[in-house]
Amino acid sequence: MSAYGPCPSCGGRQAELAAENPAHSVNTGARVFTSRIRNVLCRGCGLIYNDPMPTETELAELYVAMARDVSDRPAPATGRIMPIERDQADFVWQHVEGRGAPRVLDIGCSMGGFLAALRERGATTVGIEPSPHDAAVARDAFGLDVRPGFLEEIDFGAERFDLVSMRFVFEHVRDPRGIVRRARALLTDGGLLFIEVPNLAMPFVGFDDYFSYGHLQTFTRGTLQYLCGAEGLTPLVTEEHANVFASSPHPPSIRALLAWRGTPPEIVPDVDAARAHLERYLQARASLIARAAGQLRDLVSLGGRVVIYGAGTHTAELWRACPFLAGKTVAMVDGNPALQGHDFLGVPVRSPRELRPLRPDAIVISVRTAEAQIAGFLAAEGFADRTVRLYAEAGTAAA
């Protein structure tokens, strides 16, 4: 028996170390939260999961820490449907449109764009959202029925749904099989469960590790099908999506539509495939970090004043991989007002509008998903020849 906890999918206790980060940092400005993350791979079914699993209290503290300053988010009276939400709605609608006005429940509905897109097509919609801000946008901007809290806490009585969806939510839950069981119980006869999760076969590769604290499970197509199959759900459609939307940081994903057929499907887990995906990712990340570290070491050897654009988790990982930056960096800049005016990693954090007085000789962009947008801003400000990018194509690097 291994020293690790039981697998949330198959219950097995034979696991091997997948990845470990002894000091994952989340910067809130006034406070930096540092946590150890350990992910293990189950030798029985191939699922990668956090061990030890964080408690509910620890997760609550994490999400408070990670919450962005609401000043840069939509006011409750405004809202818009994001391109990825329309794409998700298009994906599921082709499977439910023949059901009259299908009833849809979206677990973790955020600001309601997905449900609003389905309501435009004729669906009757209900959302669950624990964030008061996001729930207010969904209600005020779109007029949606949104219940506060988490799925486990809400009594739906006799309400049943033709579609229950979890979009980039399922990887965050502590008890994935329990959540599938609860969602399955809310389906009508012939109802469908829609799950979309990040895909280990198509991972983002960067200094900010794919294995982050809030992602408690990491899926492949096979491990997602196996886990849901263990609760009696048969995959009807399973697809891989790149999710290349300029306005969306969502990673490449697995989209699955599943149905209850009474007899559990026979799905044999492919542990070797999961391990191969893991190894390709780890090798790609090590190669990227080595290349970028060499680039930055050459840069600082030339002397001059270095500014880091970004003061979050990505920069903490950059700092850990490139400790030589500490003696050369005069400041960080970040667009989040909550971070400005504080020190992070012993360096002051300023507004991007304070760049000129800092007199930088080089500005290293330490934000993966928005690198192209930041590079555009720096070029418009006259810093194009001093901008250092770490990724050839922002947000799309994959193993």
Protein backbone atom coordinates (compact mmCIF):
# COMPACT_ATOMS: atom_id res chain seq x y z
CA MET A 1 0.00 0.00 0.00
CA SER A 2 1.32 3.45 -0.90
CA ALA A 3 1.71 6.29 1.56
CA TYR A 4 -0.89 8.33 -0.33
CA GLY A 5 -4.60 8.76 0.32
CA PRO A 6 -7.35 6.90 -1.56
CA CYS A 7 -8.11 7.73 -5.17
CA PRO A 8 -11.33 9.81 -5.49
CA SER A 9 -12.27 7.80 -8.59
CA CYS A 10 -11.62 4.10 -7.90
CA GLY A 11 -10.84 4.19 -4.17
CA GLY A 12 -7.50 2.48 -4.70
CA ARG A 13 -4.48 3.19 -2.53
CA GLN A 14 -1.75 2.40 -5.03
CA ALA A 15 -0.44 5.73 -6.30
CA GLU A 16 2.83 7.26 -7.43
CA LEU A 17 4.11 10.81 -7.23
CA ALA A 18 3.14 12.87 -10.28
CA ALA A 19 4.24 16.41 -9.43
CA GLU A 20 5.07 18.42 -6.34
CA ASN A 21 5.39 22.13 -5.60
CA PRO A 22 6.66 22.92 -2.10
CA ALA A 23 5.77 26.63 -2.25
CA HIS A 24 2.81 27.53 -4.48
CA SER A 25 2.18 31.26 -3.89
CA VAL A 26 -0.98 33.35 -4.28
CA ASN A 27 -0.44 37.10 -3.91
CA THR A 28 -3.37 39.19 -2.62
CA GLY A 29 -1.31 42.30 -2.00
CA ALA A 30 -1.83 42.57 1.72
CA ARG A 31 -0.97 38.90 2.19
CA VAL A 32 0.81 36.11 0.30
CA PHE A 33 -0.65 32.63 0.70
CA THR A 34 1.93 29.86 0.28
CA SER A 35 0.87 26.22 0.07
CA ARG A 36 2.49 22.88 -0.69
CA ILE A 37 0.87 21.01 -3.57
CA ARG A 38 1.40 17.32 -4.18
CA ASN A 39 -0.30 15.45 -7.02
CA VAL A 40 -0.23 11.68 -7.36
CA LEU A 41 -1.23 9.31 -10.17
CA CYS A 42 -3.48 6.37 -9.29
CA ARG A 43 -1.99 3.12 -10.56
CA GLY A 44 -5.46 1.58 -10.65
CA CYS A 45 -7.32 4.03 -12.90
CA GLY A 46 -4.83 6.74 -13.97
CA LEU A 47 -6.53 9.70 -12.27
CA ILE A 48 -4.17 12.40 -11.02
CA TYR A 49 -5.34 13.96 -7.77
CA ASN A 50 -4.20 16.16 -4.89
CA ASP A 51 -2.76 14.37 -1.89
CA PRO A 52 -3.38 15.34 0.78
CA MET A 53 -6.70 16.76 -0.36
CA PRO A 54 -7.23 20.30 1.03
CA THR A 55 -10.03 20.75 3.54
CA GLU A 56 -13.16 22.79 2.83
CA THR A 57 -11.77 25.55 5.07
CA GLU A 58 -8.46 25.62 3.21
CA LEU A 59 -10.25 25.81 -0.13
CA ALA A 60 -12.48 28.62 1.10
CA GLU A 61 -9.40 30.59 2.17
CA LEU A 62 -7.78 29.90 -1.20
CA TYR A 63 -10.73 31.21 -3.19
CA VAL A 64 -10.93 34.34 -1.06
CA ALA A 65 -7.21 34.84 -1.68
CA MET A 66 -7.55 34.30 -5.42
CA ALA A 67 -10.59 36.55 -5.85
CA ARG A 68 -9.67 39.48 -8.08
CA ASP A 69 -10.44 43.02 -7.03
CA VAL A 70 -14.08 43.61 -8.05
CA SER A 71 -13.21 47.05 -9.41
CA ASP A 72 -11.99 45.43 -12.64
CA ARG A 73 -15.02 43.14 -13.01
CA PRO A 74 -18.45 43.93 -14.49
CA ALA A 75 -20.96 45.81 -12.35
CA PRO A 76 -24.01 43.72 -11.40
CA ALA A 77 -26.21 45.55 -13.94
CA THR A 78 -23.91 44.66 -16.83
CA GLY A 79 -22.79 41.42 -18.38
CA ARG A 80 -22.06 39.76 -21.69
CA ILE A 81 -22.00 36.31 -23.18
CA MET A 82 -18.39 35.25 -23.74
CA PRO A 83 -17.41 33.48 -27.00
CA ILE A 84 -16.55 30.30 -25.10
CA GLU A 85 -20.00 30.33 -23.47
CA ARG A 86 -21.74 30.58 -26.85
CA ASP A 87 -19.55 27.76 -28.11
CA GLN A 88 -20.49 25.58 -25.12
CA ALA A 89 -24.16 26.41 -25.65
CA ASP A 90 -23.90 25.43 -29.33
CA PHE A 91 -22.26 22.14 -28.33
CA VAL A 92 -25.00 21.04 -25.91
CA TRP A 93 -27.98 22.49 -27.78
CA GLN A 94 -27.70 20.06 -30.67
CA HIS A 95 -28.38 17.27 -28.16
CA VAL A 96 -31.28 18.84 -26.24
CA GLU A 97 -33.08 21.06 -28.74
CA GLY A 98 -35.68 18.40 -29.56
CA ARG A 99 -37.03 18.44 -25.99
CA GLY A 100 -39.30 21.48 -26.32
CA ALA A 101 -38.11 23.98 -23.72
CA PRO A 102 -35.45 21.87 -22.00
CA ARG A 103 -34.72 22.60 -18.33
CA VAL A 104 -31.04 23.29 -17.74
CA LEU A 105 -29.13 23.46 -14.44
CA ASP A 106 -25.63 25.00 -14.58
CA ILE A 107 -23.51 24.22 -11.53
CA GLY A 108 -21.09 27.10 -10.96
CA CYS A 109 -22.82 29.34 -13.49
CA SER A 110 -20.46 32.31 -12.88
CA MET A 111 -21.95 35.48 -14.44
CA GLY A 112 -24.58 33.56 -16.39
CA GLY A 113 -23.46 33.86 -20.01
CA PHE A 114 -23.83 30.14 -20.79
CA LEU A 115 -27.37 30.03 -19.39
CA ALA A 116 -28.29 33.27 -21.17
CA ALA A 117 -27.11 31.78 -24.47
CA LEU A 118 -29.26 28.68 -23.91
CA ARG A 119 -32.28 30.74 -22.87
CA GLU A 120 -32.02 32.60 -26.20
CA ARG A 121 -32.54 29.21 -27.85
CA GLY A 122 -35.63 28.43 -25.75
CA ALA A 123 -34.30 26.67 -22.67
CA THR A 124 -35.62 27.17 -19.14
CA THR A 125 -32.58 27.79 -16.96
CA VAL A 126 -31.43 27.60 -13.34
CA GLY A 127 -27.95 28.36 -12.03
CA ILE A 128 -25.96 27.65 -8.86
CA GLU A 129 -23.21 30.11 -7.97
CA PRO A 130 -21.33 30.60 -4.65
CA SER A 131 -19.83 33.99 -5.62
CA PRO A 132 -22.23 36.81 -4.56
CA HIS A 133 -20.73 39.15 -7.17
CA ASP A 134 -21.07 36.71 -10.07
CA ALA A 135 -24.57 35.65 -9.01
CA ALA A 136 -25.62 39.32 -8.90
CA VAL A 137 -24.39 39.85 -12.48
CA ALA A 138 -26.29 36.77 -13.64
CA ARG A 139 -29.49 37.98 -11.98
CA ASP A 140 -29.29 41.69 -12.77
CA ALA A 141 -27.80 41.58 -16.27
CA PHE A 142 -29.63 38.52 -17.58
CA GLY A 143 -32.58 38.07 -15.21
CA LEU A 144 -31.57 34.49 -14.46
CA ASP A 145 -32.78 32.24 -11.63
CA VAL A 146 -29.57 31.73 -9.65
CA ARG A 147 -29.45 29.85 -6.33
CA PRO A 148 -26.61 30.82 -3.96
CA GLY A 149 -24.19 28.24 -2.61
CA PHE A 150 -22.93 24.82 -3.64
CA LEU A 151 -24.70 21.84 -5.19
CA GLU A 152 -24.46 19.77 -2.00
CA GLU A 153 -26.27 22.47 0.01
CA ILE A 154 -29.31 23.08 -2.20
CA ASP A 155 -32.61 21.19 -1.95
CA PHE A 156 -34.27 21.03 -5.36
CA GLY A 157 -37.24 19.06 -4.12
CA ALA A 158 -39.07 17.53 -7.10
CA GLU A 159 -37.26 19.73 -9.69
CA ARG A 160 -35.55 17.72 -12.42
CA PHE A 161 -33.51 18.83 -15.43
CA ASP A 162 -32.95 17.71 -19.00
CA LEU A 163 -29.36 18.92 -18.82
CA VAL A 164 -27.05 19.43 -15.82
CA SER A 165 -23.76 21.12 -16.64
CA MET A 166 -20.41 21.62 -14.91
CA ARG A 167 -18.09 23.81 -16.97
CA PHE A 168 -14.55 24.03 -15.54
CA VAL A 169 -15.99 23.18 -12.13
CA PHE A 170 -15.55 19.42 -11.84
CA GLU A 171 -11.76 19.61 -11.44
CA HIS A 172 -12.28 21.74 -8.30
CA VAL A 173 -14.50 19.40 -6.24
CA ARG A 174 -13.27 17.28 -3.35
CA ASP A 175 -15.65 14.37 -3.95
CA PRO A 176 -16.09 14.02 -7.73
CA ARG A 177 -18.05 10.76 -7.59
CA GLY A 178 -20.39 12.21 -4.98
CA ILE A 179 -21.01 15.24 -7.20
CA VAL A 180 -21.72 13.02 -10.22
CA ARG A 181 -24.15 10.98 -8.11
CA ARG A 182 -25.95 14.12 -6.94
CA ALA A 183 -26.10 15.56 -10.47
CA ARG A 184 -27.37 12.25 -11.87
CA ALA A 185 -30.22 12.24 -9.35
CA LEU A 186 -31.40 15.62 -10.71
CA LEU A 187 -31.74 14.39 -14.31
CA THR A 188 -35.04 13.62 -16.00
CA ASP A 189 -35.45 10.28 -17.76
CA GLY A 190 -33.10 10.58 -20.71
CA GLY A 191 -31.44 13.68 -19.24
CA LEU A 192 -27.79 14.49 -19.95
CA LEU A 193 -24.80 15.52 -17.84
CA PHE A 194 -22.36 17.94 -19.51
CA ILE A 195 -18.85 18.16 -18.07
CA GLU A 196 -15.96 20.25 -19.38
CA VAL A 197 -12.54 20.01 -17.71
CA PRO A 198 -8.92 20.89 -18.60
CA ASN A 199 -7.25 18.19 -20.68
CA LEU A 200 -3.89 16.77 -19.59
CA ALA A 201 -3.33 15.61 -23.18
CA MET A 202 -3.30 19.27 -24.31
CA PRO A 203 -1.87 21.20 -21.35
CA PHE A 204 -0.74 24.79 -21.12
CA VAL A 205 2.99 24.71 -20.50
CA GLY A 206 4.56 27.55 -18.58
CA PHE A 207 6.24 28.66 -15.38
CA ASP A 208 2.81 28.65 -13.74
CA ASP A 209 2.42 24.92 -13.24
CA TYR A 210 -0.55 23.09 -14.78
CA PHE A 211 -0.98 21.47 -11.35
CA SER A 212 -2.39 24.36 -9.33
CA TYR A 213 -3.75 24.26 -5.79
CA GLY A 214 -7.42 24.62 -6.70
CA HIS A 215 -7.40 21.84 -9.32
CA LEU A 216 -7.98 18.79 -7.16
CA GLN A 217 -8.25 16.35 -10.08
CA THR A 218 -6.47 16.35 -13.43
CA PHE A 219 -8.22 14.44 -16.20
CA THR A 220 -7.57 12.71 -19.46
CA ARG A 221 -10.41 11.61 -21.72
CA GLY A 222 -10.08 8.08 -20.34
CA THR A 223 -9.98 8.97 -16.64
CA LEU A 224 -13.02 11.25 -16.97
CA GLN A 225 -15.04 8.53 -18.72
CA TYR A 226 -13.94 5.94 -16.15
CA LEU A 227 -14.92 8.05 -13.14
CA CYS A 228 -18.36 8.90 -14.53
CA GLY A 229 -18.85 5.31 -15.67
CA ALA A 230 -18.27 4.14 -12.10
CA GLU A 231 -21.47 6.05 -11.24
CA GLY A 232 -23.40 4.43 -14.09
CA LEU A 233 -23.10 7.20 -16.68
CA THR A 234 -22.39 6.26 -20.28
CA PRO A 235 -20.41 8.74 -22.43
CA LEU A 236 -22.43 9.65 -25.52
CA VAL A 237 -20.03 12.29 -26.86
CA THR A 238 -16.48 13.00 -25.71
CA GLU A 239 -14.50 15.62 -27.61
CA GLU A 240 -11.26 17.56 -27.17
CA HIS A 241 -11.39 21.34 -27.69
CA ALA A 242 -8.61 23.87 -28.07
CA ASN A 243 -10.68 26.79 -26.67
CA VAL A 244 -8.75 29.42 -28.63
CA PHE A 245 -10.74 32.53 -27.72
CA ALA A 246 -8.92 35.86 -27.37
CA SER A 247 -11.10 36.87 -24.42
CA SER A 248 -10.89 33.56 -22.55
CA PRO A 249 -8.04 32.10 -20.48
CA HIS A 250 -9.67 28.66 -20.45
CA PRO A 251 -7.25 25.85 -21.32
CA PRO A 252 -7.74 23.15 -23.95
CA SER A 253 -10.42 20.85 -22.61
CA ILE A 254 -12.36 17.62 -22.67
CA ARG A 255 -16.10 18.02 -23.27
CA ALA A 256 -18.29 15.08 -22.36
CA LEU A 257 -22.03 14.46 -22.59
CA LEU A 258 -23.12 11.51 -20.48
CA ALA A 259 -26.41 9.68 -19.91
CA TRP A 260 -27.80 7.24 -17.35
CA ARG A 261 -28.53 3.93 -19.08
CA GLY A 262 -29.24 1.76 -16.05
CA THR A 263 -26.31 -0.59 -16.65
CA PRO A 264 -22.84 0.78 -15.85
CA PRO A 265 -20.63 0.92 -18.96
CA GLU A 266 -17.58 -1.31 -19.11
CA ILE A 267 -14.64 1.10 -19.30
CA VAL A 268 -11.12 -0.22 -18.83
CA PRO A 269 -8.78 2.50 -17.56
CA ASP A 270 -5.62 3.15 -19.57
CA VAL A 271 -3.13 4.05 -16.87
CA ASP A 272 -0.19 3.96 -19.28
CA ALA A 273 -1.82 6.63 -21.46
CA ALA A 274 -2.34 8.91 -18.46
CA ARG A 275 1.26 8.41 -17.38
CA ALA A 276 2.51 9.16 -20.91
CA HIS A 277 0.54 12.42 -21.02
CA LEU A 278 2.01 13.37 -17.63
CA GLU A 279 5.57 12.63 -18.72
CA ARG A 280 5.20 14.63 -21.95
CA TYR A 281 3.94 17.61 -19.97
CA LEU A 282 6.72 17.45 -17.37
CA GLN A 283 9.38 17.17 -20.08
CA ALA A 284 7.89 20.07 -22.07
CA ARG A 285 7.73 22.28 -18.97
CA ALA A 286 11.31 21.48 -17.97
CA SER A 287 12.48 22.29 -21.50
CA LEU A 288 10.57 25.59 -21.62
CA ILE A 289 11.87 26.69 -18.22
CA ALA A 290 15.46 25.82 -19.16
CA ARG A 291 15.20 27.79 -22.41
CA ALA A 292 13.60 30.83 -20.77
CA ALA A 293 16.00 30.75 -17.83
CA GLY A 294 18.95 30.80 -20.24
CA GLN A 295 17.39 33.74 -22.11
CA LEU A 296 16.91 35.69 -18.88
CA ARG A 297 20.37 34.84 -17.55
CA ASP A 298 21.89 36.30 -20.70
CA LEU A 299 19.70 39.36 -20.29
CA VAL A 300 20.70 40.16 -16.72
CA SER A 301 24.37 39.56 -17.50
CA LEU A 302 24.20 42.71 -19.64
CA GLY A 303 23.29 44.79 -16.60
CA GLY A 304 20.61 47.46 -16.52
CA ARG A 305 17.30 47.88 -14.76
CA VAL A 306 14.83 44.97 -15.02
CA VAL A 307 11.09 45.32 -14.40
CA ILE A 308 8.82 42.27 -14.15
CA TYR A 309 5.31 42.73 -15.56
CA GLY A 310 3.13 40.57 -13.32
CA ALA A 311 3.09 40.00 -9.56
CA GLY A 312 1.22 36.73 -9.16
CA THR A 313 1.74 32.98 -9.09
CA HIS A 314 3.53 32.96 -12.45
CA THR A 315 6.13 35.42 -11.14
CA ALA A 316 6.63 33.39 -7.95
CA GLU A 317 7.43 30.35 -10.10
CA LEU A 318 9.66 32.46 -12.37
CA TRP A 319 11.51 33.71 -9.29
CA ARG A 320 12.02 30.17 -8.02
CA ALA A 321 13.41 28.98 -11.35
CA CYS A 322 15.53 32.11 -11.93
CA PRO A 323 16.83 33.29 -8.53
CA PHE A 324 19.37 35.51 -10.29
CA LEU A 325 16.50 37.91 -11.12
CA ALA A 326 16.26 39.00 -7.47
CA GLY A 327 19.34 41.20 -7.57
CA LYS A 328 18.49 42.81 -10.91
CA THR A 329 14.77 43.60 -10.60
CA VAL A 330 13.96 47.15 -9.51
CA ALA A 331 10.17 46.73 -9.48
CA MET A 332 7.17 44.71 -10.62
CA VAL A 333 4.11 46.17 -12.29
CA ASP A 334 0.62 44.69 -12.23
CA GLY A 335 -2.78 45.88 -13.43
CA ASN A 336 -4.57 44.59 -10.32
CA PRO A 337 -5.03 47.59 -7.98
CA ALA A 338 -5.08 45.28 -4.95
CA LEU A 339 -1.44 44.33 -5.56
CA GLN A 340 -0.08 47.82 -6.16
CA GLY A 341 1.69 49.58 -3.30
CA HIS A 342 2.80 46.31 -1.66
CA ASP A 343 6.02 44.33 -1.90
CA PHE A 344 6.06 40.87 -3.47
CA LEU A 345 9.12 38.63 -3.16
CA GLY A 346 10.92 41.64 -1.66
CA VAL A 347 10.23 43.87 -4.68
CA PRO A 348 7.78 46.84 -4.81
CA VAL A 349 4.69 46.46 -7.04
CA ARG A 350 3.61 49.48 -9.09
CA SER A 351 0.90 50.37 -11.59
CA PRO A 352 1.68 49.86 -15.30
CA ARG A 353 1.21 53.62 -15.67
CA GLU A 354 4.31 54.11 -13.49
CA LEU A 355 6.64 52.38 -15.93
CA ARG A 356 8.35 55.50 -17.30
CA PRO A 357 9.65 56.76 -13.94
CA LEU A 358 11.08 53.28 -13.32
CA ARG A 359 13.39 53.77 -16.36
CA PRO A 360 13.48 50.07 -17.29
CA ASP A 361 16.13 48.69 -19.62
CA ALA A 362 14.14 45.46 -19.94
CA ILE A 363 10.52 44.53 -19.11
CA VAL A 364 9.94 40.80 -18.67
CA ILE A 365 6.29 39.81 -19.19
CA SER A 366 5.50 37.29 -16.47
CA VAL A 367 1.86 36.62 -17.41
CA ARG A 368 1.29 33.65 -19.72
CA THR A 369 -2.37 33.87 -20.73
CA ALA A 370 -2.32 37.62 -21.48
CA GLU A 371 1.21 37.93 -22.85
CA ALA A 372 0.16 39.13 -26.30
CA GLN A 373 -2.18 41.81 -24.91
CA ILE A 374 0.49 43.09 -22.51
CA ALA A 375 3.07 43.16 -25.29
CA GLY A 376 0.65 45.27 -27.32
CA PHE A 377 0.22 47.70 -24.44
CA LEU A 378 4.00 48.00 -23.96
CA ALA A 379 4.52 48.61 -27.68
CA ALA A 380 1.90 51.39 -27.61
CA GLU A 381 3.76 52.95 -24.68
CA GLY A 382 7.06 52.93 -26.59
CA PHE A 383 8.68 49.94 -24.85
CA ALA A 384 8.60 47.44 -27.74
CA ASP A 385 12.40 47.26 -27.98
CA ARG A 386 12.67 46.60 -24.25
CA THR A 387 9.95 43.94 -23.98
CA VAL A 388 10.96 40.34 -23.20
CA ARG A 389 8.40 37.60 -23.97
CA LEU A 390 8.77 34.09 -22.59
CA TYR A 391 6.25 32.36 -24.87
CA ALA A 392 6.17 32.28 -28.66
CA GLU A 393 2.37 32.15 -28.69
CA ALA A 394 0.77 33.40 -25.51
CA GLY A 395 -1.55 30.93 -23.85
CA THR A 396 -1.26 28.21 -26.50
CA ALA A 397 1.97 26.39 -25.63
CA ALA A 398 1.20 22.70 -25.19
CA ALA A 399 3.13 19.48 -24.67
